Amino acid sequence: MTSTILAGGKSSRLKGGKALEIVGGKSLIQRVIERLALVSNQILIVGSPAQFHFLSDYSVEYKADLYPDKGPLGGIYTGLAASKSLYNLVVACDMPFLNIELLRYMIKLSPGFDAVIPKVERIQPLHAVYCKSCLDGIRTRLEDNQLGITYFLRTVNVRYVGQAECQRFDPQLLSFFNVNSQADLARANILAGREDSHKGG
């Protein structure tokens, strides 16, 4: 299994690269890498080359966007193109509470589908499994500048994972918590403290 971490997003509410914001004593991206390492034999970070100098401490592969400035869809394409695996986890770099059992469940569901996407309030295309079968369709949309992931997903065979299904593994749905603001960062540190206390207990 290959995992791709999308590091391309810029946050106007968090100065600098939010991938390096600290949650529970570790950077956001370090927390993501550590969890994905439990289910992956290849981990890719996709973004712009300008980002890689501050992410270079991590023992993963770095891939520059093949379609720069095309948003998450371009990042998904780059990860799939570089992947050694047929099925690929794709997550954002700012999701500090990924649930390994939920990810494993999604991986098990993936054969026979182009994508496995949680549907929790809305679809969660940056916490998903994509098959390499998506490559041609994504490339066509990128070249036509049709960058909406939701619209692309309407053209392929998707297995949606409902909220109740996700809660079997992640009752609080913290997998889908992402850090976009200082308030999110503060809450993430509180949650990380509770997580550490639970492990210690």
C-alpha atoms as a PDB file:
ATOM      1  CA  MET A   1       0.000   0.000   0.000  1.00  0.00           C
ATOM      2  CA  THR A   2       1.233   3.473  -0.896  1.00  0.00           C
ATOM      3  CA  SER A   3       0.114   6.554   1.004  1.00  0.00           C
ATOM      4  CA  THR A   4       0.221  10.087  -0.362  1.00  0.00           C
ATOM      5  CA  ILE A   5       0.218  13.109   1.935  1.00  0.00           C
ATOM      6  CA  LEU A   6      -0.948  16.295   0.269  1.00  0.00           C
ATOM      7  CA  ALA A   7       1.168  19.153   1.607  1.00  0.00           C
ATOM      8  CA  GLY A   8       0.259  21.716  -1.012  1.00  0.00           C
ATOM      9  CA  GLY A   9      -2.380  23.738   0.794  1.00  0.00           C
ATOM     10  CA  LYS A  10      -1.650  27.167   2.193  1.00  0.00           C
ATOM     11  CA  SER A  11      -3.450  28.397   5.290  1.00  0.00           C
ATOM     12  CA  SER A  12      -4.138  32.110   5.486  1.00  0.00           C
ATOM     13  CA  ARG A  13      -4.986  31.712   9.179  1.00  0.00           C
ATOM     14  CA  LEU A  14      -1.800  29.897  10.187  1.00  0.00           C
ATOM     15  CA  LYS A  15       1.412  31.695   9.281  1.00  0.00           C
ATOM     16  CA  GLY A  16       3.980  29.601   7.453  1.00  0.00           C
ATOM     17  CA  GLY A  17       3.651  25.959   6.536  1.00  0.00           C
ATOM     18  CA  LYS A  18       0.963  24.432   8.706  1.00  0.00           C
ATOM     19  CA  ALA A  19       2.437  20.956   8.186  1.00  0.00           C
ATOM     20  CA  LEU A  20       5.043  21.884  10.822  1.00  0.00           C
ATOM     21  CA  GLU A  21       2.618  23.178  13.450  1.00  0.00           C
ATOM     22  CA  ILE A  22       3.091  21.253  16.694  1.00  0.00           C
ATOM     23  CA  VAL A  23       0.338  19.067  18.127  1.00  0.00           C
ATOM     24  CA  GLY A  24       1.095  16.980  21.202  1.00  0.00           C
ATOM     25  CA  GLY A  25       4.827  17.568  20.885  1.00  0.00           C
ATOM     26  CA  LYS A  26       5.047  16.502  17.234  1.00  0.00           C
ATOM     27  CA  SER A  27       4.537  18.311  13.961  1.00  0.00           C
ATOM     28  CA  LEU A  28       1.271  17.697  12.161  1.00  0.00           C
ATOM     29  CA  ILE A  29       3.008  15.965   9.292  1.00  0.00           C
ATOM     30  CA  GLN A  30       5.076  13.780  11.632  1.00  0.00           C
ATOM     31  CA  ARG A  31       1.867  12.563  13.286  1.00  0.00           C
ATOM     32  CA  VAL A  32       0.409  11.759   9.873  1.00  0.00           C
ATOM     33  CA  ILE A  33       3.566   9.946   8.703  1.00  0.00           C
ATOM     34  CA  GLU A  34       3.797   7.837  11.871  1.00  0.00           C
ATOM     35  CA  ARG A  35       0.242   6.595  11.474  1.00  0.00           C
ATOM     36  CA  LEU A  36       0.475   5.932   7.755  1.00  0.00           C
ATOM     37  CA  ALA A  37       3.710   3.989   8.284  1.00  0.00           C
ATOM     38  CA  LEU A  38       1.612   1.321  10.036  1.00  0.00           C
ATOM     39  CA  VAL A  39      -0.276   0.547   6.808  1.00  0.00           C
ATOM     40  CA  SER A  40       2.155   1.631   4.055  1.00  0.00           C
ATOM     41  CA  ASN A  41       5.343   0.394   2.462  1.00  0.00           C
ATOM     42  CA  GLN A  42       5.705   3.637   0.469  1.00  0.00           C
ATOM     43  CA  ILE A  43       4.868   7.146   1.696  1.00  0.00           C
ATOM     44  CA  LEU A  44       4.891  10.137  -0.639  1.00  0.00           C
ATOM     45  CA  ILE A  45       4.660  13.821   0.217  1.00  0.00           C
ATOM     46  CA  VAL A  46       3.282  15.816  -2.691  1.00  0.00           C
ATOM     47  CA  GLY A  47       3.603  19.573  -2.909  1.00  0.00           C
ATOM     48  CA  SER A  48       5.665  22.332  -4.435  1.00  0.00           C
ATOM     49  CA  PRO A  49       9.474  22.002  -4.422  1.00  0.00           C
ATOM     50  CA  ALA A  50       9.665  25.196  -2.342  1.00  0.00           C
ATOM     51  CA  GLN A  51       8.074  23.289   0.545  1.00  0.00           C
ATOM     52  CA  PHE A  52      10.472  20.389   0.548  1.00  0.00           C
ATOM     53  CA  HIS A  53      13.384  22.171   2.216  1.00  0.00           C
ATOM     54  CA  PHE A  54      11.449  22.458   5.479  1.00  0.00           C
ATOM     55  CA  LEU A  55      10.025  18.936   5.236  1.00  0.00           C
ATOM     56  CA  SER A  56      13.320  17.251   4.343  1.00  0.00           C
ATOM     57  CA  ASP A  57      13.849  15.722   7.799  1.00  0.00           C
ATOM     58  CA  TYR A  58      11.294  12.988   7.155  1.00  0.00           C
ATOM     59  CA  SER A  59      12.294   9.633   5.647  1.00  0.00           C
ATOM     60  CA  VAL A  60       9.719   9.610   2.880  1.00  0.00           C
ATOM     61  CA  GLU A  61       9.652  10.327  -0.847  1.00  0.00           C
ATOM     62  CA  TYR A  62       8.978  13.842  -2.107  1.00  0.00           C
ATOM     63  CA  LYS A  63       7.160  14.437  -5.364  1.00  0.00           C
ATOM     64  CA  ALA A  64       6.674  17.846  -6.950  1.00  0.00           C
ATOM     65  CA  ASP A  65       3.194  18.495  -8.317  1.00  0.00           C
ATOM     66  CA  LEU A  66       3.038  17.381 -11.941  1.00  0.00           C
ATOM     67  CA  TYR A  67       0.262  19.940 -12.430  1.00  0.00           C
ATOM     68  CA  PRO A  68       1.250  22.898 -10.221  1.00  0.00           C
ATOM     69  CA  ASP A  69      -1.487  25.147  -8.855  1.00  0.00           C
ATOM     70  CA  LYS A  70      -4.229  22.670  -9.728  1.00  0.00           C
ATOM     71  CA  GLY A  71      -5.296  22.079  -6.139  1.00  0.00           C
ATOM     72  CA  PRO A  72      -5.880  18.725  -4.426  1.00  0.00           C
ATOM     73  CA  LEU A  73      -6.908  16.979  -7.648  1.00  0.00           C
ATOM     74  CA  GLY A  74      -3.446  17.684  -9.066  1.00  0.00           C
ATOM     75  CA  GLY A  75      -1.865  16.354  -5.893  1.00  0.00           C
ATOM     76  CA  ILE A  76      -3.901  13.153  -6.060  1.00  0.00           C
ATOM     77  CA  TYR A  77      -2.802  12.682  -9.669  1.00  0.00           C
ATOM     78  CA  THR A  78       0.872  13.191  -8.785  1.00  0.00           C
ATOM     79  CA  GLY A  79       0.678  10.671  -5.960  1.00  0.00           C
ATOM     80  CA  LEU A  80      -1.074   8.044  -8.074  1.00  0.00           C
ATOM     81  CA  ALA A  81       1.416   8.523 -10.927  1.00  0.00           C
ATOM     82  CA  ALA A  82       4.391   8.004  -8.588  1.00  0.00           C
ATOM     83  CA  SER A  83       2.869   5.148  -6.603  1.00  0.00           C
ATOM     84  CA  LYS A  84       4.102   1.560  -6.751  1.00  0.00           C
ATOM     85  CA  SER A  85       0.676   0.313  -5.617  1.00  0.00           C
ATOM     86  CA  LEU A  86      -2.635  -0.229  -7.361  1.00  0.00           C
ATOM     87  CA  TYR A  87      -4.576   1.177  -4.396  1.00  0.00           C
ATOM     88  CA  ASN A  88      -3.445   4.282  -2.569  1.00  0.00           C
ATOM     89  CA  LEU A  89      -4.382   6.115   0.571  1.00  0.00           C
ATOM     90  CA  VAL A  90      -4.552   9.883   0.102  1.00  0.00           C
ATOM     91  CA  VAL A  91      -4.737  12.208   3.112  1.00  0.00           C
ATOM     92  CA  ALA A  92      -4.135  15.874   3.875  1.00  0.00           C
ATOM     93  CA  CYS A  93      -1.116  16.895   5.935  1.00  0.00           C
ATOM     94  CA  ASP A  94      -3.223  18.555   8.634  1.00  0.00           C
ATOM     95  CA  MET A  95      -5.167  15.541   9.952  1.00  0.00           C
ATOM     96  CA  PRO A  96      -3.465  14.649  13.266  1.00  0.00           C
ATOM     97  CA  PHE A  97      -5.887  11.950  14.453  1.00  0.00           C
ATOM     98  CA  LEU A  98      -6.006   9.403  11.651  1.00  0.00           C
ATOM     99  CA  ASN A  99      -7.569   6.156  12.842  1.00  0.00           C
ATOM    100  CA  ILE A 100      -5.591   3.134  11.680  1.00  0.00           C
ATOM    101  CA  GLU A 101      -8.475   0.675  12.009  1.00  0.00           C
ATOM    102  CA  LEU A 102     -10.695   2.872   9.850  1.00  0.00           C
ATOM    103  CA  LEU A 103      -7.942   3.176   7.244  1.00  0.00           C
ATOM    104  CA  ARG A 104      -7.453  -0.597   7.230  1.00  0.00           C
ATOM    105  CA  TYR A 105     -11.188  -1.087   6.788  1.00  0.00           C
ATOM    106  CA  MET A 106     -11.220   1.304   3.816  1.00  0.00           C
ATOM    107  CA  ILE A 107      -8.267  -0.525   2.259  1.00  0.00           C
ATOM    108  CA  LYS A 108     -10.122  -3.850   2.586  1.00  0.00           C
ATOM    109  CA  LEU A 109     -13.134  -2.335   0.818  1.00  0.00           C
ATOM    110  CA  SER A 110     -11.135  -0.994  -2.126  1.00  0.00           C
ATOM    111  CA  PRO A 111     -10.906  -3.984  -4.543  1.00  0.00           C
ATOM    112  CA  GLY A 112     -13.393  -3.506  -7.362  1.00  0.00           C
ATOM    113  CA  PHE A 113     -13.784   0.250  -6.817  1.00  0.00           C
ATOM    114  CA  ASP A 114     -12.014   3.283  -8.261  1.00  0.00           C
ATOM    115  CA  ALA A 115     -12.227   5.082  -4.926  1.00  0.00           C
ATOM    116  CA  VAL A 116     -13.359   4.548  -1.336  1.00  0.00           C
ATOM    117  CA  ILE A 117     -14.540   7.812   0.217  1.00  0.00           C
ATOM    118  CA  PRO A 118     -15.998   8.467   3.685  1.00  0.00           C
ATOM    119  CA  LYS A 119     -19.230  10.452   3.743  1.00  0.00           C
ATOM    120  CA  VAL A 120     -19.335  12.223   7.095  1.00  0.00           C
ATOM    121  CA  GLU A 121     -21.567  15.320   6.859  1.00  0.00           C
ATOM    122  CA  ARG A 122     -20.042  15.700   3.400  1.00  0.00           C
ATOM    123  CA  ILE A 123     -17.717  13.587   1.319  1.00  0.00           C
ATOM    124  CA  GLN A 124     -14.127  13.435   2.543  1.00  0.00           C
ATOM    125  CA  PRO A 125     -11.992  13.070  -0.617  1.00  0.00           C
ATOM    126  CA  LEU A 126      -8.760  13.882   1.248  1.00  0.00           C
ATOM    127  CA  HIS A 127      -9.174  10.893   3.569  1.00  0.00           C
ATOM    128  CA  ALA A 128      -9.679   8.282   0.899  1.00  0.00           C
ATOM    129  CA  VAL A 129      -8.409   5.353  -1.124  1.00  0.00           C
ATOM    130  CA  TYR A 130      -7.872   5.858  -4.862  1.00  0.00           C
ATOM    131  CA  CYS A 131      -7.040   3.250  -7.489  1.00  0.00           C
ATOM    132  CA  LYS A 132      -4.603   3.897 -10.312  1.00  0.00           C
ATOM    133  CA  SER A 133      -7.615   3.402 -12.606  1.00  0.00           C
ATOM    134  CA  CYS A 134      -8.430   7.044 -11.800  1.00  0.00           C
ATOM    135  CA  LEU A 135      -5.294   8.384 -13.491  1.00  0.00           C
ATOM    136  CA  ASP A 136      -6.624   8.903 -17.014  1.00  0.00           C
ATOM    137  CA  GLY A 137      -9.854  10.524 -15.861  1.00  0.00           C
ATOM    138  CA  ILE A 138      -8.050  12.869 -13.477  1.00  0.00           C
ATOM    139  CA  ARG A 139      -5.521  13.857 -16.145  1.00  0.00           C
ATOM    140  CA  THR A 140      -8.324  14.719 -18.570  1.00  0.00           C
ATOM    141  CA  ARG A 141     -10.003  16.920 -15.988  1.00  0.00           C
ATOM    142  CA  LEU A 142      -6.743  18.644 -15.045  1.00  0.00           C
ATOM    143  CA  GLU A 143      -5.982  19.424 -18.676  1.00  0.00           C
ATOM    144  CA  ASP A 144      -9.507  20.829 -19.076  1.00  0.00           C
ATOM    145  CA  ASN A 145      -9.023  22.838 -15.849  1.00  0.00           C
ATOM    146  CA  GLN A 146     -12.001  21.083 -14.233  1.00  0.00           C
ATOM    147  CA  LEU A 147     -10.543  20.837 -10.749  1.00  0.00           C
ATOM    148  CA  GLY A 148     -13.503  19.855  -8.569  1.00  0.00           C
ATOM    149  CA  ILE A 149     -12.909  16.474  -6.924  1.00  0.00           C
ATOM    150  CA  THR A 150     -16.633  15.994  -6.292  1.00  0.00           C
ATOM    151  CA  TYR A 151     -17.383  16.321  -9.995  1.00  0.00           C
ATOM    152  CA  PHE A 152     -14.624  13.881 -10.882  1.00  0.00           C
ATOM    153  CA  LEU A 153     -15.973  11.299  -8.423  1.00  0.00           C
ATOM    154  CA  ARG A 154     -19.297  11.311 -10.252  1.00  0.00           C
ATOM    155  CA  THR A 155     -17.498   9.777 -13.241  1.00  0.00           C
ATOM    156  CA  VAL A 156     -15.995   6.745 -11.451  1.00  0.00           C
ATOM    157  CA  ASN A 157     -17.115   3.789  -9.336  1.00  0.00           C
ATOM    158  CA  VAL A 158     -17.003   4.969  -5.710  1.00  0.00           C
ATOM    159  CA  ARG A 159     -17.685   3.046  -2.508  1.00  0.00           C
ATOM    160  CA  TYR A 160     -18.909   5.614  -0.003  1.00  0.00           C
ATOM    161  CA  VAL A 161     -18.378   4.816   3.682  1.00  0.00           C
ATOM    162  CA  GLY A 162     -21.224   6.254   5.737  1.00  0.00           C
ATOM    163  CA  GLN A 163     -20.947   8.038   9.067  1.00  0.00           C
ATOM    164  CA  ALA A 164     -22.234   5.124  11.160  1.00  0.00           C
ATOM    165  CA  GLU A 165     -19.806   2.827   9.359  1.00  0.00           C
ATOM    166  CA  CYS A 166     -16.904   5.167  10.184  1.00  0.00           C
ATOM    167  CA  GLN A 167     -18.008   5.439  13.819  1.00  0.00           C
ATOM    168  CA  ARG A 168     -17.575   1.696  14.309  1.00  0.00           C
ATOM    169  CA  PHE A 169     -13.842   2.414  14.267  1.00  0.00           C
ATOM    170  CA  ASP A 170     -13.691   6.108  15.171  1.00  0.00           C
ATOM    171  CA  PRO A 171     -16.672   6.955  17.430  1.00  0.00           C
ATOM    172  CA  GLN A 172     -15.791  10.658  17.701  1.00  0.00           C
ATOM    173  CA  LEU A 173     -14.886  10.935  14.006  1.00  0.00           C
ATOM    174  CA  LEU A 174     -11.587  12.596  14.889  1.00  0.00           C
ATOM    175  CA  SER A 175     -10.074  11.174  11.694  1.00  0.00           C
ATOM    176  CA  PHE A 176     -11.731  14.052   9.862  1.00  0.00           C
ATOM    177  CA  PHE A 177     -10.569  16.811  12.208  1.00  0.00           C
ATOM    178  CA  ASN A 178      -8.163  19.088  10.378  1.00  0.00           C
ATOM    179  CA  VAL A 179      -6.188  22.120  11.497  1.00  0.00           C
ATOM    180  CA  ASN A 180      -7.004  25.331   9.652  1.00  0.00           C
ATOM    181  CA  SER A 181      -6.816  27.996  12.366  1.00  0.00           C
ATOM    182  CA  GLN A 182      -5.250  28.830  15.716  1.00  0.00           C
ATOM    183  CA  ALA A 183      -8.480  27.700  17.391  1.00  0.00           C
ATOM    184  CA  ASP A 184      -8.214  24.327  15.611  1.00  0.00           C
ATOM    185  CA  LEU A 185      -4.593  24.064  16.706  1.00  0.00           C
ATOM    186  CA  ALA A 186      -5.521  24.742  20.338  1.00  0.00           C
ATOM    187  CA  ARG A 187      -8.279  22.128  20.222  1.00  0.00           C
ATOM    188  CA  ALA A 188      -5.942  19.623  18.562  1.00  0.00           C
ATOM    189  CA  ASN A 189      -3.460  20.004  21.426  1.00  0.00           C
ATOM    190  CA  ILE A 190      -6.216  19.390  23.974  1.00  0.00           C
ATOM    191  CA  LEU A 191      -7.342  16.285  22.089  1.00  0.00           C
ATOM    192  CA  ALA A 192      -3.752  15.048  21.772  1.00  0.00           C
ATOM    193  CA  GLY A 193      -3.326  15.431  25.536  1.00  0.00           C
ATOM    194  CA  ARG A 194      -6.422  13.317  26.141  1.00  0.00           C
ATOM    195  CA  GLU A 195      -5.171  10.743  23.657  1.00  0.00           C
ATOM    196  CA  ASP A 196      -1.816  10.508  25.456  1.00  0.00           C
ATOM    197  CA  SER A 197      -3.538  10.225  28.852  1.00  0.00           C
ATOM    198  CA  HIS A 198      -5.699   7.401  27.521  1.00  0.00           C
ATOM    199  CA  LYS A 199      -2.630   5.542  26.211  1.00  0.00           C
ATOM    200  CA  GLY A 200      -0.853   6.062  29.502  1.00  0.00           C
ATOM    201  CA  GLY A 201      -3.844   4.738  31.415  1.00  0.00           C
END
